[in-house]
PDB file of N, CA and C in Angstrom:
ATOM      1  N   VAL A   1      36.597 -74.649  21.077  1.00  0.00           N
ATOM      2  CA  VAL A   1      37.390 -75.533  21.900  1.00  0.00           C
ATOM      3  C   VAL A   1      36.599 -75.956  23.135  1.00  0.00           C
ATOM      4  N   ALA A   2      35.874 -75.031  23.750  1.00  0.00           N
ATOM      5  CA  ALA A   2      35.084 -75.360  24.938  1.00  0.00           C
ATOM      6  C   ALA A   2      34.047 -76.429  24.616  1.00  0.00           C
ATOM      7  N   GLU A   3      33.389 -76.296  23.477  1.00  0.00           N
ATOM      8  CA  GLU A   3      32.384 -77.292  23.092  1.00  0.00           C
ATOM      9  C   GLU A   3      33.032 -78.664  22.925  1.00  0.00           C
ATOM     10  N   LEU A   4      34.187 -78.710  22.324  1.00  0.00           N
ATOM     11  CA  LEU A   4      34.909 -79.957  22.101  1.00  0.00           C
ATOM     12  C   LEU A   4      35.247 -80.639  23.427  1.00  0.00           C
ATOM     13  N   LEU A   5      35.726 -79.881  24.387  1.00  0.00           N
ATOM     14  CA  LEU A   5      36.186 -80.452  25.652  1.00  0.00           C
ATOM     15  C   LEU A   5      35.074 -80.675  26.670  1.00  0.00           C
ATOM     16  N   ILE A   6      33.937 -80.035  26.480  1.00  0.00           N
ATOM     17  CA  ILE A   6      32.847 -80.163  27.449  1.00  0.00           C
ATOM     18  C   ILE A   6      31.719 -81.030  26.917  1.00  0.00           C
ATOM     19  N   LEU A   7      31.193 -80.715  25.750  1.00  0.00           N
ATOM     20  CA  LEU A   7      29.921 -81.285  25.304  1.00  0.00           C
ATOM     21  C   LEU A   7      30.018 -82.404  24.275  1.00  0.00           C
ATOM     22  N   ARG A   8      31.147 -82.627  23.678  1.00  0.00           N
ATOM     23  CA  ARG A   8      31.254 -83.623  22.604  1.00  0.00           C
ATOM     24  C   ARG A   8      31.408 -85.026  23.183  1.00  0.00           C
ATOM     25  N   GLY A   9      30.323 -85.783  23.181  1.00  0.00           N
ATOM     26  CA  GLY A   9      30.334 -87.138  23.709  1.00  0.00           C
ATOM     27  C   GLY A   9      31.202 -88.100  22.930  1.00  0.00           C
ATOM     28  N   ASP A  10      31.519 -87.756  21.690  1.00  0.00           N
ATOM     29  CA  ASP A  10      32.365 -88.624  20.866  1.00  0.00           C
ATOM     30  C   ASP A  10      33.853 -88.380  21.106  1.00  0.00           C
ATOM     31  N   MET A  11      34.183 -87.438  21.950  1.00  0.00           N
ATOM     32  CA  MET A  11      35.581 -87.153  22.284  1.00  0.00           C
ATOM     33  C   MET A  11      35.898 -87.814  23.628  1.00  0.00           C
ATOM     34  N   PRO A  12      36.808 -88.789  23.655  1.00  0.00           N
ATOM     35  CA  PRO A  12      37.027 -89.606  24.853  1.00  0.00           C
ATOM     36  C   PRO A  12      37.412 -88.842  26.114  1.00  0.00           C
ATOM     37  N   ARG A  13      37.984 -87.662  25.991  1.00  0.00           N
ATOM     38  CA  ARG A  13      38.387 -86.916  27.182  1.00  0.00           C
ATOM     39  C   ARG A  13      37.434 -85.774  27.532  1.00  0.00           C
ATOM     40  N   SER A  14      36.341 -85.669  26.815  1.00  0.00           N
ATOM     41  CA  SER A  14      35.386 -84.594  27.108  1.00  0.00           C
ATOM     42  C   SER A  14      34.617 -84.901  28.389  1.00  0.00           C
ATOM     43  N   LEU A  15      34.098 -83.863  29.013  1.00  0.00           N
ATOM     44  CA  LEU A  15      33.291 -84.046  30.217  1.00  0.00           C
ATOM     45  C   LEU A  15      32.061 -84.890  29.921  1.00  0.00           C
ATOM     46  N   ALA A  16      31.453 -84.689  28.766  1.00  0.00           N
ATOM     47  CA  ALA A  16      30.254 -85.450  28.397  1.00  0.00           C
ATOM     48  C   ALA A  16      30.564 -86.940  28.306  1.00  0.00           C
ATOM     49  N   HIS A  17      31.643 -87.292  27.659  1.00  0.00           N
ATOM     50  CA  HIS A  17      32.008 -88.707  27.513  1.00  0.00           C
ATOM     51  C   HIS A  17      32.343 -89.322  28.871  1.00  0.00           C
ATOM     52  N   CYS A  18      33.131 -88.627  29.660  1.00  0.00           N
ATOM     53  CA  CYS A  18      33.552 -89.165  30.958  1.00  0.00           C
ATOM     54  C   CYS A  18      32.373 -89.351  31.907  1.00  0.00           C
ATOM     55  N   THR A  19      31.462 -88.390  31.955  1.00  0.00           N
ATOM     56  CA  THR A  19      30.308 -88.548  32.844  1.00  0.00           C
ATOM     57  C   THR A  19      29.378 -89.639  32.348  1.00  0.00           C
ATOM     58  N   SER A  20      29.293 -89.819  31.049  1.00  0.00           N
ATOM     59  CA  SER A  20      28.502 -90.921  30.500  1.00  0.00           C
ATOM     60  C   SER A  20      29.096 -92.266  30.922  1.00  0.00           C
ATOM     61  N   GLU A  21      30.407 -92.367  30.918  1.00  0.00           N
ATOM     62  CA  GLU A  21      31.083 -93.587  31.363  1.00  0.00           C
ATOM     63  C   GLU A  21      30.842 -93.830  32.850  1.00  0.00           C
ATOM     64  N   VAL A  22      30.926 -92.787  33.658  1.00  0.00           N
ATOM     65  CA  VAL A  22      30.653 -92.925  35.091  1.00  0.00           C
ATOM     66  C   VAL A  22      29.240 -93.457  35.298  1.00  0.00           C
ATOM     67  N   GLN A  23      28.288 -92.885  34.602  1.00  0.00           N
ATOM     68  CA  GLN A  23      26.901 -93.332  34.716  1.00  0.00           C
ATOM     69  C   GLN A  23      26.773 -94.808  34.343  1.00  0.00           C
ATOM     70  N   ALA A  24      27.383 -95.218  33.256  1.00  0.00           N
ATOM     71  CA  ALA A  24      27.304 -96.614  32.806  1.00  0.00           C
ATOM     72  C   ALA A  24      27.943 -97.557  33.825  1.00  0.00           C
ATOM     73  N   PHE A  25      29.079 -97.184  34.380  1.00  0.00           N
ATOM     74  CA  PHE A  25      29.739 -98.035  35.368  1.00  0.00           C
ATOM     75  C   PHE A  25      28.914 -98.135  36.646  1.00  0.00           C
ATOM     76  N   LEU A  26      28.305 -97.032  37.058  1.00  0.00           N
ATOM     77  CA  LEU A  26      27.459 -97.073  38.249  1.00  0.00           C
ATOM     78  C   LEU A  26      26.273 -98.012  38.056  1.00  0.00           C
ATOM     79  N   GLU A  27      25.714 -98.049  36.872  1.00  0.00           N
ATOM     80  CA  GLU A  27      24.615 -98.972  36.597  1.00  0.00           C
ATOM     81  C   GLU A  27      25.080-100.421  36.711  1.00  0.00           C
ATOM     82  N   GLN A  28      26.305-100.692  36.317  1.00  0.00           N
ATOM     83  CA  GLN A  28      26.832-102.060  36.358  1.00  0.00           C
ATOM     84  C   GLN A  28      27.095-102.548  37.777  1.00  0.00           C
ATOM     85  N   VAL A  29      27.437-101.646  38.681  1.00  0.00           N
ATOM     86  CA  VAL A  29      27.791-102.046  40.049  1.00  0.00           C
ATOM     87  C   VAL A  29      26.755-101.606  41.080  1.00  0.00           C
ATOM     88  N   ALA A  30      25.578-101.275  40.638  1.00  0.00           N
ATOM     89  CA  ALA A  30      24.536-100.751  41.529  1.00  0.00           C
ATOM     90  C   ALA A  30      24.298-101.672  42.722  1.00  0.00           C
ATOM     91  N   ASN A  31      24.015-101.046  43.859  1.00  0.00           N
ATOM     92  CA  ASN A  31      23.630-101.784  45.055  1.00  0.00           C
ATOM     93  C   ASN A  31      22.456-101.070  45.725  1.00  0.00           C
ATOM     94  N   GLN A  32      22.085-101.539  46.900  1.00  0.00           N
ATOM     95  CA  GLN A  32      20.910-100.983  47.576  1.00  0.00           C
ATOM     96  C   GLN A  32      21.089 -99.521  47.973  1.00  0.00           C
ATOM     97  N   ARG A  33      22.318 -99.082  48.132  1.00  0.00           N
ATOM     98  CA  ARG A  33      22.559 -97.715  48.596  1.00  0.00           C
ATOM     99  C   ARG A  33      22.833 -96.720  47.480  1.00  0.00           C
ATOM    100  N   SER A  34      22.986 -97.178  46.258  1.00  0.00           N
ATOM    101  CA  SER A  34      23.531 -96.305  45.215  1.00  0.00           C
ATOM    102  C   SER A  34      22.504 -95.622  44.313  1.00  0.00           C
ATOM    103  N   ALA A  35      21.220 -95.755  44.595  1.00  0.00           N
ATOM    104  CA  ALA A  35      20.199 -95.190  43.699  1.00  0.00           C
ATOM    105  C   ALA A  35      20.341 -93.672  43.535  1.00  0.00           C
ATOM    106  N   GLU A  36      20.569 -92.968  44.619  1.00  0.00           N
ATOM    107  CA  GLU A  36      20.688 -91.506  44.531  1.00  0.00           C
ATOM    108  C   GLU A  36      21.963 -91.104  43.789  1.00  0.00           C
ATOM    109  N   THR A  37      23.025 -91.842  43.996  1.00  0.00           N
ATOM    110  CA  THR A  37      24.268 -91.577  43.271  1.00  0.00           C
ATOM    111  C   THR A  37      24.057 -91.780  41.779  1.00  0.00           C
ATOM    112  N   GLN A  38      23.383 -92.856  41.412  1.00  0.00           N
ATOM    113  CA  GLN A  38      23.074 -93.119  40.007  1.00  0.00           C
ATOM    114  C   GLN A  38      22.213 -92.002  39.427  1.00  0.00           C
ATOM    115  N   ARG A  39      21.242 -91.548  40.189  1.00  0.00           N
ATOM    116  CA  ARG A  39      20.359 -90.491  39.704  1.00  0.00           C
ATOM    117  C   ARG A  39      21.149 -89.217  39.431  1.00  0.00           C
ATOM    118  N   ARG A  40      22.005 -88.841  40.364  1.00  0.00           N
ATOM    119  CA  ARG A  40      22.789 -87.613  40.190  1.00  0.00           C
ATOM    120  C   ARG A  40      23.769 -87.724  39.028  1.00  0.00           C
ATOM    121  N   ALA A  41      24.388 -88.886  38.887  1.00  0.00           N
ATOM    122  CA  ALA A  41      25.303 -89.090  37.756  1.00  0.00           C
ATOM    123  C   ALA A  41      24.542 -89.049  36.437  1.00  0.00           C
ATOM    124  N   GLY A  42      23.362 -89.646  36.403  1.00  0.00           N
ATOM    125  CA  GLY A  42      22.543 -89.622  35.193  1.00  0.00           C
ATOM    126  C   GLY A  42      22.088 -88.223  34.843  1.00  0.00           C
ATOM    127  N   GLU A  43      21.721 -87.466  35.864  1.00  0.00           N
ATOM    128  CA  GLU A  43      21.292 -86.083  35.645  1.00  0.00           C
ATOM    129  C   GLU A  43      22.437 -85.242  35.077  1.00  0.00           C
ATOM    130  N   LEU A  44      23.628 -85.417  35.632  1.00  0.00           N
ATOM    131  CA  LEU A  44      24.789 -84.667  35.142  1.00  0.00           C
ATOM    132  C   LEU A  44      25.141 -85.085  33.714  1.00  0.00           C
ATOM    133  N   ALA A  45      25.136 -86.388  33.452  1.00  0.00           N
ATOM    134  CA  ALA A  45      25.439 -86.874  32.100  1.00  0.00           C
ATOM    135  C   ALA A  45      24.420 -86.348  31.095  1.00  0.00           C
ATOM    136  N   ALA A  46      23.146 -86.340  31.468  1.00  0.00           N
ATOM    137  CA  ALA A  46      22.096 -85.845  30.563  1.00  0.00           C
ATOM    138  C   ALA A  46      22.258 -84.351  30.302  1.00  0.00           C
ATOM    139  N   SER A  47      22.638 -83.599  31.334  1.00  0.00           N
ATOM    140  CA  SER A  47      22.806 -82.154  31.134  1.00  0.00           C
ATOM    141  C   SER A  47      23.933 -81.869  30.146  1.00  0.00           C
ATOM    142  N   LEU A  48      24.939 -82.719  30.127  1.00  0.00           N
ATOM    143  CA  LEU A  48      26.028 -82.552  29.162  1.00  0.00           C
ATOM    144  C   LEU A  48      25.638 -83.081  27.790  1.00  0.00           C
ATOM    145  N   ARG A  49      24.955 -84.204  27.758  1.00  0.00           N
ATOM    146  CA  ARG A  49      24.550 -84.806  26.478  1.00  0.00           C
ATOM    147  C   ARG A  49      23.623 -83.873  25.705  1.00  0.00           C
ATOM    148  N   PHE A  50      22.717 -83.200  26.416  1.00  0.00           N
ATOM    149  CA  PHE A  50      21.738 -82.344  25.755  1.00  0.00           C
ATOM    150  C   PHE A  50      22.068 -80.858  25.883  1.00  0.00           C
ATOM    151  N   GLY A  51      23.220 -80.550  26.476  1.00  0.00           N
ATOM    152  CA  GLY A  51      23.614 -79.163  26.655  1.00  0.00           C
ATOM    153  C   GLY A  51      24.018 -78.500  25.349  1.00  0.00           C
ATOM    154  N   ARG A  52      23.976 -77.179  25.371  1.00  0.00           N
ATOM    155  CA  ARG A  52      24.373 -76.387  24.202  1.00  0.00           C
ATOM    156  C   ARG A  52      25.479 -75.436  24.623  1.00  0.00           C
ATOM    157  N   ILE A  53      26.420 -75.232  23.747  1.00  0.00           N
ATOM    158  CA  ILE A  53      27.544 -74.360  24.065  1.00  0.00           C
ATOM    159  C   ILE A  53      27.064 -72.941  24.362  1.00  0.00           C
ATOM    160  N   GLU A  54      25.969 -72.534  23.740  1.00  0.00           N
ATOM    161  CA  GLU A  54      25.420 -71.198  24.012  1.00  0.00           C
ATOM    162  C   GLU A  54      25.039 -71.058  25.485  1.00  0.00           C
ATOM    163  N   ASP A  55      24.482 -72.120  26.052  1.00  0.00           N
ATOM    164  CA  ASP A  55      24.100 -72.087  27.468  1.00  0.00           C
ATOM    165  C   ASP A  55      25.330 -72.038  28.368  1.00  0.00           C
ATOM    166  N   VAL A  56      26.358 -72.783  27.987  1.00  0.00           N
ATOM    167  CA  VAL A  56      27.606 -72.770  28.753  1.00  0.00           C
ATOM    168  C   VAL A  56      28.191 -71.367  28.761  1.00  0.00           C
ATOM    169  N   LEU A  57      28.278 -70.755  27.593  1.00  0.00           N
ATOM    170  CA  LEU A  57      28.883 -69.429  27.490  1.00  0.00           C
ATOM    171  C   LEU A  57      28.016 -68.358  28.134  1.00  0.00           C
ATOM    172  N   GLU A  58      26.706 -68.532  28.080  1.00  0.00           N
ATOM    173  CA  GLU A  58      25.806 -67.574  28.730  1.00  0.00           C
ATOM    174  C   GLU A  58      25.988 -67.608  30.245  1.00  0.00           C
ATOM    175  N   THR A  59      26.151 -68.805  30.789  1.00  0.00           N
ATOM    176  CA  THR A  59      26.395 -68.962  32.224  1.00  0.00           C
ATOM    177  C   THR A  59      27.755 -68.401  32.597  1.00  0.00           C
ATOM    178  N   GLY A  60      28.671 -68.476  31.672  1.00  0.00           N
ATOM    179  CA  GLY A  60      30.060 -68.108  31.918  1.00  0.00           C
ATOM    180  C   GLY A  60      30.864 -69.384  32.086  1.00  0.00           C
ATOM    181  N   LEU A  61      31.923 -69.517  31.330  1.00  0.00           N
ATOM    182  CA  LEU A  61      32.706 -70.746  31.336  1.00  0.00           C
ATOM    183  C   LEU A  61      33.223 -71.076  32.735  1.00  0.00           C
ATOM    184  N   HIS A  62      33.739 -70.086  33.435  1.00  0.00           N
ATOM    185  CA  HIS A  62      34.263 -70.316  34.783  1.00  0.00           C
ATOM    186  C   HIS A  62      33.162 -70.797  35.715  1.00  0.00           C
ATOM    187  N   ASN A  63      32.025 -70.129  35.700  1.00  0.00           N
ATOM    188  CA  ASN A  63      30.910 -70.537  36.564  1.00  0.00           C
ATOM    189  C   ASN A  63      30.404 -71.924  36.204  1.00  0.00           C
ATOM    190  N   TYR A  64      30.308 -72.216  34.920  1.00  0.00           N
ATOM    191  CA  TYR A  64      29.836 -73.526  34.472  1.00  0.00           C
ATOM    192  C   TYR A  64      30.770 -74.626  34.971  1.00  0.00           C
ATOM    193  N   LEU A  65      32.068 -74.428  34.793  1.00  0.00           N
ATOM    194  CA  LEU A  65      33.031 -75.442  35.213  1.00  0.00           C
ATOM    195  C   LEU A  65      33.100 -75.567  36.729  1.00  0.00           C
ATOM    196  N   THR A  66      32.962 -74.466  37.439  1.00  0.00           N
ATOM    197  CA  THR A  66      32.930 -74.519  38.901  1.00  0.00           C
ATOM    198  C   THR A  66      31.735 -75.328  39.377  1.00  0.00           C
ATOM    199  N   ARG A  67      30.579 -75.107  38.770  1.00  0.00           N
ATOM    200  CA  ARG A  67      29.378 -75.875  39.124  1.00  0.00           C
ATOM    201  C   ARG A  67      29.563 -77.355  38.781  1.00  0.00           C
ATOM    202  N   PHE A  68      30.179 -77.632  37.635  1.00  0.00           N
ATOM    203  CA  PHE A  68      30.457 -79.017  37.254  1.00  0.00           C
ATOM    204  C   PHE A  68      31.358 -79.684  38.290  1.00  0.00           C
ATOM    205  N   ILE A  69      32.418 -79.018  38.686  1.00  0.00           N
ATOM    206  CA  ILE A  69      33.349 -79.581  39.672  1.00  0.00           C
ATOM    207  C   ILE A  69      32.633 -79.866  40.984  1.00  0.00           C
ATOM    208  N   THR A  70      31.777 -78.964  41.418  1.00  0.00           N
ATOM    209  CA  THR A  70      31.009 -79.183  42.644  1.00  0.00           C
ATOM    210  C   THR A  70      30.141 -80.422  42.519  1.00  0.00           C
ATOM    211  N   ARG A  71      29.460 -80.559  41.396  1.00  0.00           N
ATOM    212  CA  ARG A  71      28.571 -81.710  41.190  1.00  0.00           C
ATOM    213  C   ARG A  71      29.353 -83.012  41.079  1.00  0.00           C
ATOM    214  N   ILE A  72      30.470 -83.018  40.381  1.00  0.00           N
ATOM    215  CA  ILE A  72      31.239 -84.251  40.219  1.00  0.00           C
ATOM    216  C   ILE A  72      31.912 -84.635  41.534  1.00  0.00           C
ATOM    217  N   ASN A  73      32.309 -83.656  42.336  1.00  0.00           N
ATOM    218  CA  ASN A  73      32.853 -83.955  43.664  1.00  0.00           C
ATOM    219  C   ASN A  73      31.792 -84.591  44.552  1.00  0.00           C
ATOM    220  N   ASP A  74      30.564 -84.101  44.469  1.00  0.00           N
ATOM    221  CA  ASP A  74      29.457 -84.692  45.221  1.00  0.00           C
ATOM    222  C   ASP A  74      29.252 -86.149  44.806  1.00  0.00           C
ATOM    223  N   ILE A  75      29.276 -86.403  43.513  1.00  0.00           N
ATOM    224  CA  ILE A  75      29.116 -87.775  43.021  1.00  0.00           C
ATOM    225  C   ILE A  75      30.273 -88.642  43.516  1.00  0.00           C
ATOM    226  N   GLY A  76      31.475 -88.121  43.493  1.00  0.00           N
ATOM    227  CA  GLY A  76      32.631 -88.864  43.999  1.00  0.00           C
ATOM    228  C   GLY A  76      32.498 -89.202  45.476  1.00  0.00           C
ATOM    229  N   ASP A  77      32.040 -88.240  46.275  1.00  0.00           N
ATOM    230  CA  ASP A  77      31.810 -88.493  47.700  1.00  0.00           C
ATOM    231  C   ASP A  77      30.757 -89.576  47.895  1.00  0.00           C
ATOM    232  N   ARG A  78      29.710 -89.535  47.083  1.00  0.00           N
ATOM    233  CA  ARG A  78      28.641 -90.534  47.184  1.00  0.00           C
ATOM    234  C   ARG A  78      29.135 -91.915  46.761  1.00  0.00           C
ATOM    235  N   ILE A  79      29.990 -91.973  45.757  1.00  0.00           N
ATOM    236  CA  ILE A  79      30.567 -93.258  45.349  1.00  0.00           C
ATOM    237  C   ILE A  79      31.372 -93.846  46.505  1.00  0.00           C
ATOM    238  N   ALA A  80      32.159 -93.016  47.165  1.00  0.00           N
ATOM    239  CA  ALA A  80      32.931 -93.490  48.317  1.00  0.00           C
ATOM    240  C   ALA A  80      32.007 -94.039  49.399  1.00  0.00           C
ATOM    241  N   THR A  81      30.939 -93.323  49.699  1.00  0.00           N
ATOM    242  CA  THR A  81      29.995 -93.763  50.724  1.00  0.00           C
ATOM    243  C   THR A  81      29.263 -95.032  50.308  1.00  0.00           C
ATOM    244  N   ASP A  82      28.824 -95.089  49.066  1.00  0.00           N
ATOM    245  CA  ASP A  82      28.013 -96.217  48.596  1.00  0.00           C
ATOM    246  C   ASP A  82      28.812 -97.495  48.371  1.00  0.00           C
ATOM    247  N   PHE A  83      30.080 -97.368  48.000  1.00  0.00           N
ATOM    248  CA  PHE A  83      30.825 -98.548  47.568  1.00  0.00           C
ATOM    249  C   PHE A  83      32.119 -98.810  48.335  1.00  0.00           C
ATOM    250  N   LEU A  84      32.729 -97.800  48.924  1.00  0.00           N
ATOM    251  CA  LEU A  84      34.062 -97.981  49.483  1.00  0.00           C
ATOM    252  C   LEU A  84      34.112 -97.975  51.003  1.00  0.00           C
ATOM    253  N   LEU A  85      33.244 -97.209  51.635  1.00  0.00           N
ATOM    254  CA  LEU A  85      33.262 -97.117  53.091  1.00  0.00           C
ATOM    255  C   LEU A  85      32.451 -98.253  53.697  1.00  0.00           C
ATOM    256  N   PRO A  86      32.872 -98.740  54.859  1.00  0.00           N
ATOM    257  CA  PRO A  86      32.119 -99.833  55.478  1.00  0.00           C
ATOM    258  C   PRO A  86      30.714 -99.385  55.883  1.00  0.00           C
ATOM    259  N   VAL A  87      29.791-100.322  55.825  1.00  0.00           N
ATOM    260  CA  VAL A  87      28.413-100.061  56.239  1.00  0.00           C
ATOM    261  C   VAL A  87      28.373-100.089  57.756  1.00  0.00           C
ATOM    262  N   THR A  88      27.804 -99.050  58.352  1.00  0.00           N
ATOM    263  CA  THR A  88      27.668 -99.015  59.809  1.00  0.00           C
ATOM    264  C   THR A  88      26.272 -99.472  60.190  1.00  0.00           C
ATOM    265  N   ALA A  89      26.192-100.124  61.321  1.00  0.00           N
ATOM    266  CA  ALA A  89      24.897-100.665  61.766  1.00  0.00           C
ATOM    267  C   ALA A  89      23.991 -99.613  62.314  1.00  0.00           C
TER     268      ALA A  89
END
């Protein structure tokens, strides 16, 4: 079940599929400030695309998901800064 919900890119609600979509959307709306956000999203998407369930379970499911949440929150904060907050002089 963990593999299905985390690593299966063909499953629309999996973490792998969702992060791949985030990466694709960021590429479509890229601006001068978003390169680092794109890089981090791409890195996270790649780690899920090429990840193995054995590595997830070895890390511990709770620890793996906690680290994922931290990384996705960082990407969300960067999206807000890059696209939603006003540019200061």
